[in-house]
Amino acid sequence: MATNCTSISRLSCNITCDPAGCADCDEVNLTANATGGPGNYRYVWSTAETTQSINVTSSGNYTVNVTDSYNHTTSCYQTATIYDS
């Protein structure tokens, strides 16, 4: 009897901020980067948006829940600071 097993790494995420450290920005782009799991990631942000990236114009803490095709979920967060011009 032949058995094929595939090891799938644990689902995790991080958020990148672009532009990073901008002192004169009125908007930043936050992008969730998911790794592990079987793929087909779904994103739900604390802003209710469901895309991989969001643009934010207000300072605050932003959270994204990432779910893979096995319905495993992980969360990550990023603090964004928008400077008044």
Protein backbone atom coordinates (compact mmCIF):
# COMPACT_ATOMS: atom_id res chain seq x y z
CA MET A 1 0.00 0.00 0.00
CA ALA A 2 1.52 3.32 -1.06
CA THR A 3 0.92 6.39 1.05
CA ASN A 4 1.61 9.95 0.03
CA CYS A 5 1.77 12.52 2.80
CA THR A 6 2.43 16.18 2.40
CA SER A 7 3.63 18.26 5.31
CA ILE A 8 2.04 21.70 5.45
CA SER A 9 3.66 24.40 7.53
CA ARG A 10 1.69 26.34 10.12
CA LEU A 11 -0.31 29.34 8.90
CA SER A 12 1.20 32.70 9.88
CA CYS A 13 1.10 36.30 8.73
CA ASN A 14 2.74 39.68 9.00
CA ILE A 15 1.83 43.13 7.75
CA THR A 16 4.06 45.46 5.78
CA CYS A 17 3.55 49.20 5.81
CA ASP A 18 4.31 51.32 2.73
CA PRO A 19 5.75 53.83 2.86
CA ALA A 20 7.51 52.84 6.07
CA GLY A 21 8.48 55.71 8.38
CA CYS A 22 7.08 58.45 6.16
CA ALA A 23 7.01 61.76 8.06
CA ASP A 24 4.80 63.62 5.59
CA CYS A 25 2.20 61.04 4.53
CA ASP A 26 -1.55 61.37 4.70
CA GLU A 27 -2.09 57.73 3.71
CA VAL A 28 -0.27 54.41 4.05
CA ASN A 29 -0.80 51.03 2.45
CA LEU A 30 -0.95 47.96 4.69
CA THR A 31 -0.39 44.56 3.08
CA ALA A 32 -0.97 41.23 4.80
CA ASN A 33 1.61 38.58 3.90
CA ALA A 34 0.43 35.05 4.70
CA THR A 35 2.64 31.96 4.68
CA GLY A 36 2.07 28.31 5.45
CA GLY A 37 -1.12 26.38 5.30
CA PRO A 38 -2.45 25.06 2.00
CA GLY A 39 -2.98 28.53 0.48
CA ASN A 40 -6.10 30.18 -0.95
CA TYR A 41 -5.94 32.82 1.76
CA ARG A 42 -8.93 34.95 2.71
CA TYR A 43 -8.43 38.27 4.50
CA VAL A 44 -10.74 40.18 6.84
CA TRP A 45 -9.40 43.46 8.24
CA SER A 46 -10.59 45.30 11.33
CA THR A 47 -11.94 47.85 8.83
CA ALA A 48 -14.19 45.10 7.35
CA GLU A 49 -12.25 45.14 4.06
CA THR A 50 -11.55 41.72 2.53
CA THR A 51 -8.56 42.42 0.29
CA GLN A 52 -4.90 41.56 0.89
CA SER A 53 -3.97 45.27 1.03
CA ILE A 54 -5.76 48.31 2.42
CA ASN A 55 -5.07 52.05 2.38
CA VAL A 56 -5.52 53.84 5.68
CA THR A 57 -5.78 57.55 6.37
CA SER A 58 -6.15 57.46 10.15
CA SER A 59 -3.60 56.53 12.80
CA GLY A 60 -4.43 53.42 14.75
CA ASN A 61 -4.01 49.70 15.25
CA TYR A 62 -5.11 47.56 12.32
CA THR A 63 -5.75 43.83 12.56
CA VAL A 64 -6.20 41.27 9.81
CA ASN A 65 -7.54 37.74 10.19
CA VAL A 66 -6.17 35.36 7.57
CA THR A 67 -7.95 32.07 6.85
CA ASP A 68 -6.63 29.31 4.60
CA SER A 69 -8.55 26.73 2.57
CA TYR A 70 -8.58 24.34 5.58
CA ASN A 71 -10.31 27.09 7.61
CA HIS A 72 -7.28 27.59 9.86
CA THR A 73 -7.10 31.21 10.99
CA THR A 74 -4.35 33.43 12.28
CA SER A 75 -4.24 37.14 13.10
CA CYS A 76 -1.62 39.84 12.91
CA TYR A 77 -1.67 43.56 13.59
CA GLN A 78 0.13 46.75 12.65
CA THR A 79 0.11 50.20 14.16
CA ALA A 80 -0.07 52.90 11.50
CA THR A 81 0.84 56.51 12.24
CA ILE A 82 -0.45 59.21 9.93
CA TYR A 83 1.24 62.56 10.42
CA ASP A 84 -0.69 65.80 10.06
CA SER A 85 0.83 68.03 7.41
